[in-house]
Amino acid sequence: MLAAGDLDVRGLLTHRVPLERIQAGYRLAFEDPSCLKIVVEWPKA
């Protein structure tokens, strides 16, 4: 459903973190109560 676009999860993704800041992303996930889900942005090859 997600891959087909049948399920809209944009409201659940509250933060985006580049791979270089993954440690800050984990800290955010565990310390910020407003954080629901984080997307880790991978560098393009």
PDB file of N, CA and C in Angstrom:
ATOM      1  N   MET A   1       0.817  -1.190   0.000  1.00  0.00           N
ATOM      2  CA  MET A   1       0.000   0.000   0.000  1.00  0.00           C
ATOM      3  C   MET A   1       0.869   1.266   0.000  1.00  0.00           C
ATOM      4  N   LEU A   2       1.912   1.238   0.802  1.00  0.00           N
ATOM      5  CA  LEU A   2       2.778   2.404   0.887  1.00  0.00           C
ATOM      6  C   LEU A   2       3.503   2.649  -0.432  1.00  0.00           C
ATOM      7  N   ALA A   3       4.087   1.602  -0.976  1.00  0.00           N
ATOM      8  CA  ALA A   3       4.816   1.735  -2.243  1.00  0.00           C
ATOM      9  C   ALA A   3       3.899   2.147  -3.389  1.00  0.00           C
ATOM     10  N   ALA A   4       2.666   1.715  -3.346  1.00  0.00           N
ATOM     11  CA  ALA A   4       1.711   2.037  -4.406  1.00  0.00           C
ATOM     12  C   ALA A   4       1.144   3.447  -4.265  1.00  0.00           C
ATOM     13  N   GLY A   5       1.413   4.095  -3.109  1.00  0.00           N
ATOM     14  CA  GLY A   5       0.897   5.436  -2.898  1.00  0.00           C
ATOM     15  C   GLY A   5      -0.527   5.455  -2.370  1.00  0.00           C
ATOM     16  N   ASP A   6      -1.015   4.300  -1.945  1.00  0.00           N
ATOM     17  CA  ASP A   6      -2.382   4.206  -1.431  1.00  0.00           C
ATOM     18  C   ASP A   6      -2.500   4.658   0.022  1.00  0.00           C
ATOM     19  N   LEU A   7      -1.373   4.796   0.694  1.00  0.00           N
ATOM     20  CA  LEU A   7      -1.362   5.169   2.098  1.00  0.00           C
ATOM     21  C   LEU A   7      -0.527   6.436   2.262  1.00  0.00           C
ATOM     22  N   ASP A   8      -1.134   7.499   2.739  1.00  0.00           N
ATOM     23  CA  ASP A   8      -0.447   8.775   2.906  1.00  0.00           C
ATOM     24  C   ASP A   8       0.140   8.853   4.313  1.00  0.00           C
ATOM     25  N   VAL A   9       1.461   8.835   4.410  1.00  0.00           N
ATOM     26  CA  VAL A   9       2.128   8.870   5.715  1.00  0.00           C
ATOM     27  C   VAL A   9       2.844  10.202   5.964  1.00  0.00           C
ATOM     28  N   ARG A  10       2.604  11.183   5.124  1.00  0.00           N
ATOM     29  CA  ARG A  10       3.305  12.466   5.289  1.00  0.00           C
ATOM     30  C   ARG A  10       3.094  13.077   6.662  1.00  0.00           C
ATOM     31  N   GLY A  11       1.929  12.909   7.246  1.00  0.00           N
ATOM     32  CA  GLY A  11       1.669  13.460   8.570  1.00  0.00           C
ATOM     33  C   GLY A  11       2.427  12.765   9.683  1.00  0.00           C
ATOM     34  N   LEU A  12       2.926  11.567   9.416  1.00  0.00           N
ATOM     35  CA  LEU A  12       3.685  10.825  10.428  1.00  0.00           C
ATOM     36  C   LEU A  12       5.172  11.151  10.392  1.00  0.00           C
ATOM     37  N   LEU A  13       5.663  11.620   9.264  1.00  0.00           N
ATOM     38  CA  LEU A  13       7.079  11.935   9.122  1.00  0.00           C
ATOM     39  C   LEU A  13       7.303  13.364   9.583  1.00  0.00           C
ATOM     40  N   THR A  14       7.854  13.505  10.770  1.00  0.00           N
ATOM     41  CA  THR A  14       7.971  14.832  11.376  1.00  0.00           C
ATOM     42  C   THR A  14       9.334  15.471  11.187  1.00  0.00           C
ATOM     43  N   HIS A  15      10.367  14.690  10.878  1.00  0.00           N
ATOM     44  CA  HIS A  15      11.714  15.234  10.759  1.00  0.00           C
ATOM     45  C   HIS A  15      12.480  14.524   9.645  1.00  0.00           C
ATOM     46  N   ARG A  16      13.411  15.260   9.046  1.00  0.00           N
ATOM     47  CA  ARG A  16      14.336  14.703   8.056  1.00  0.00           C
ATOM     48  C   ARG A  16      15.742  15.032   8.502  1.00  0.00           C
ATOM     49  N   VAL A  17      16.620  14.038   8.452  1.00  0.00           N
ATOM     50  CA  VAL A  17      17.987  14.214   8.914  1.00  0.00           C
ATOM     51  C   VAL A  17      18.936  13.638   7.869  1.00  0.00           C
ATOM     52  N   PRO A  18      19.928  14.401   7.437  1.00  0.00           N
ATOM     53  CA  PRO A  18      20.916  13.838   6.516  1.00  0.00           C
ATOM     54  C   PRO A  18      21.768  12.788   7.230  1.00  0.00           C
ATOM     55  N   LEU A  19      22.274  11.837   6.496  1.00  0.00           N
ATOM     56  CA  LEU A  19      23.057  10.742   7.061  1.00  0.00           C
ATOM     57  C   LEU A  19      24.212  11.260   7.922  1.00  0.00           C
ATOM     58  N   GLU A  20      24.802  12.364   7.535  1.00  0.00           N
ATOM     59  CA  GLU A  20      25.938  12.911   8.285  1.00  0.00           C
ATOM     60  C   GLU A  20      25.538  13.337   9.703  1.00  0.00           C
ATOM     61  N   ARG A  21      24.247  13.538   9.940  1.00  0.00           N
ATOM     62  CA  ARG A  21      23.761  13.989  11.254  1.00  0.00           C
ATOM     63  C   ARG A  21      22.933  12.916  11.955  1.00  0.00           C
ATOM     64  N   ILE A  22      23.242  11.651  11.659  1.00  0.00           N
ATOM     65  CA  ILE A  22      22.443  10.546  12.179  1.00  0.00           C
ATOM     66  C   ILE A  22      22.437  10.503  13.708  1.00  0.00           C
ATOM     67  N   GLN A  23      23.559  10.842  14.332  1.00  0.00           N
ATOM     68  CA  GLN A  23      23.595  10.841  15.800  1.00  0.00           C
ATOM     69  C   GLN A  23      22.632  11.881  16.372  1.00  0.00           C
ATOM     70  N   ALA A  24      22.590  13.047  15.774  1.00  0.00           N
ATOM     71  CA  ALA A  24      21.650  14.079  16.208  1.00  0.00           C
ATOM     72  C   ALA A  24      20.213  13.606  15.969  1.00  0.00           C
ATOM     73  N   GLY A  25      20.007  12.859  14.902  1.00  0.00           N
ATOM     74  CA  GLY A  25      18.677  12.320  14.608  1.00  0.00           C
ATOM     75  C   GLY A  25      18.215  11.334  15.665  1.00  0.00           C
ATOM     76  N   TYR A  26      19.098  10.451  16.092  1.00  0.00           N
ATOM     77  CA  TYR A  26      18.743   9.514  17.155  1.00  0.00           C
ATOM     78  C   TYR A  26      18.441  10.249  18.454  1.00  0.00           C
ATOM     79  N   ARG A  27      19.246  11.243  18.769  1.00  0.00           N
ATOM     80  CA  ARG A  27      19.010  12.031  19.978  1.00  0.00           C
ATOM     81  C   ARG A  27      17.633  12.704  19.898  1.00  0.00           C
ATOM     82  N   LEU A  28      17.343  13.264  18.747  1.00  0.00           N
ATOM     83  CA  LEU A  28      16.043  13.905  18.523  1.00  0.00           C
ATOM     84  C   LEU A  28      14.899  12.908  18.720  1.00  0.00           C
ATOM     85  N   ALA A  29      15.060  11.724  18.182  1.00  0.00           N
ATOM     86  CA  ALA A  29      14.010  10.703  18.260  1.00  0.00           C
ATOM     87  C   ALA A  29      13.689  10.323  19.699  1.00  0.00           C
ATOM     88  N   PHE A  30      14.704  10.282  20.552  1.00  0.00           N
ATOM     89  CA  PHE A  30      14.486   9.837  21.924  1.00  0.00           C
ATOM     90  C   PHE A  30      14.217  10.968  22.901  1.00  0.00           C
ATOM     91  N   GLU A  31      14.549  12.196  22.536  1.00  0.00           N
ATOM     92  CA  GLU A  31      14.404  13.298  23.484  1.00  0.00           C
ATOM     93  C   GLU A  31      13.281  14.284  23.145  1.00  0.00           C
ATOM     94  N   ASP A  32      12.824  14.304  21.906  1.00  0.00           N
ATOM     95  CA  ASP A  32      11.798  15.266  21.499  1.00  0.00           C
ATOM     96  C   ASP A  32      10.434  14.571  21.403  1.00  0.00           C
ATOM     97  N   PRO A  33       9.525  14.870  22.322  1.00  0.00           N
ATOM     98  CA  PRO A  33       8.221  14.192  22.296  1.00  0.00           C
ATOM     99  C   PRO A  33       7.377  14.501  21.054  1.00  0.00           C
ATOM    100  N   SER A  34       7.707  15.564  20.329  1.00  0.00           N
ATOM    101  CA  SER A  34       6.947  15.878  19.117  1.00  0.00           C
ATOM    102  C   SER A  34       7.430  15.073  17.908  1.00  0.00           C
ATOM    103  N   CYS A  35       8.510  14.338  18.081  1.00  0.00           N
ATOM    104  CA  CYS A  35       9.078  13.547  16.979  1.00  0.00           C
ATOM    105  C   CYS A  35       8.344  12.218  16.860  1.00  0.00           C
ATOM    106  N   LEU A  36       7.681  12.020  15.720  1.00  0.00           N
ATOM    107  CA  LEU A  36       7.003  10.744  15.478  1.00  0.00           C
ATOM    108  C   LEU A  36       7.897   9.800  14.686  1.00  0.00           C
ATOM    109  N   LYS A  37       8.342  10.253  13.532  1.00  0.00           N
ATOM    110  CA  LYS A  37       9.212   9.442  12.676  1.00  0.00           C
ATOM    111  C   LYS A  37      10.240  10.348  12.009  1.00  0.00           C
ATOM    112  N   ILE A  38      11.422   9.820  11.841  1.00  0.00           N
ATOM    113  CA  ILE A  38      12.512  10.543  11.174  1.00  0.00           C
ATOM    114  C   ILE A  38      12.860   9.811   9.884  1.00  0.00           C
ATOM    115  N   VAL A  39      13.054  10.575   8.842  1.00  0.00           N
ATOM    116  CA  VAL A  39      13.551  10.032   7.584  1.00  0.00           C
ATOM    117  C   VAL A  39      15.037  10.354   7.512  1.00  0.00           C
ATOM    118  N   VAL A  40      15.857   9.342   7.329  1.00  0.00           N
ATOM    119  CA  VAL A  40      17.289   9.563   7.142  1.00  0.00           C
ATOM    120  C   VAL A  40      17.527   9.690   5.652  1.00  0.00           C
ATOM    121  N   GLU A  41      18.064  10.846   5.264  1.00  0.00           N
ATOM    122  CA  GLU A  41      18.305  11.106   3.846  1.00  0.00           C
ATOM    123  C   GLU A  41      19.698  10.618   3.466  1.00  0.00           C
ATOM    124  N   TRP A  42      19.721   9.630   2.583  1.00  0.00           N
ATOM    125  CA  TRP A  42      20.971   9.038   2.126  1.00  0.00           C
ATOM    126  C   TRP A  42      21.525   9.850   0.972  1.00  0.00           C
ATOM    127  N   PRO A  43      22.852   9.973   0.899  1.00  0.00           N
ATOM    128  CA  PRO A  43      23.446  10.697  -0.234  1.00  0.00           C
ATOM    129  C   PRO A  43      23.192   9.936  -1.543  1.00  0.00           C
ATOM    130  N   LYS A  44      23.022  10.701  -2.594  1.00  0.00           N
ATOM    131  CA  LYS A  44      22.813  10.077  -3.904  1.00  0.00           C
ATOM    132  C   LYS A  44      24.156   9.617  -4.460  1.00  0.00           C
ATOM    133  N   ALA A  45      24.143   8.438  -5.018  1.00  0.00           N
ATOM    134  CA  ALA A  45      25.385   7.845  -5.555  1.00  0.00           C
ATOM    135  C   ALA A  45      25.716   8.418  -6.910  1.00  0.00           C
TER     136      ALA A  45
END
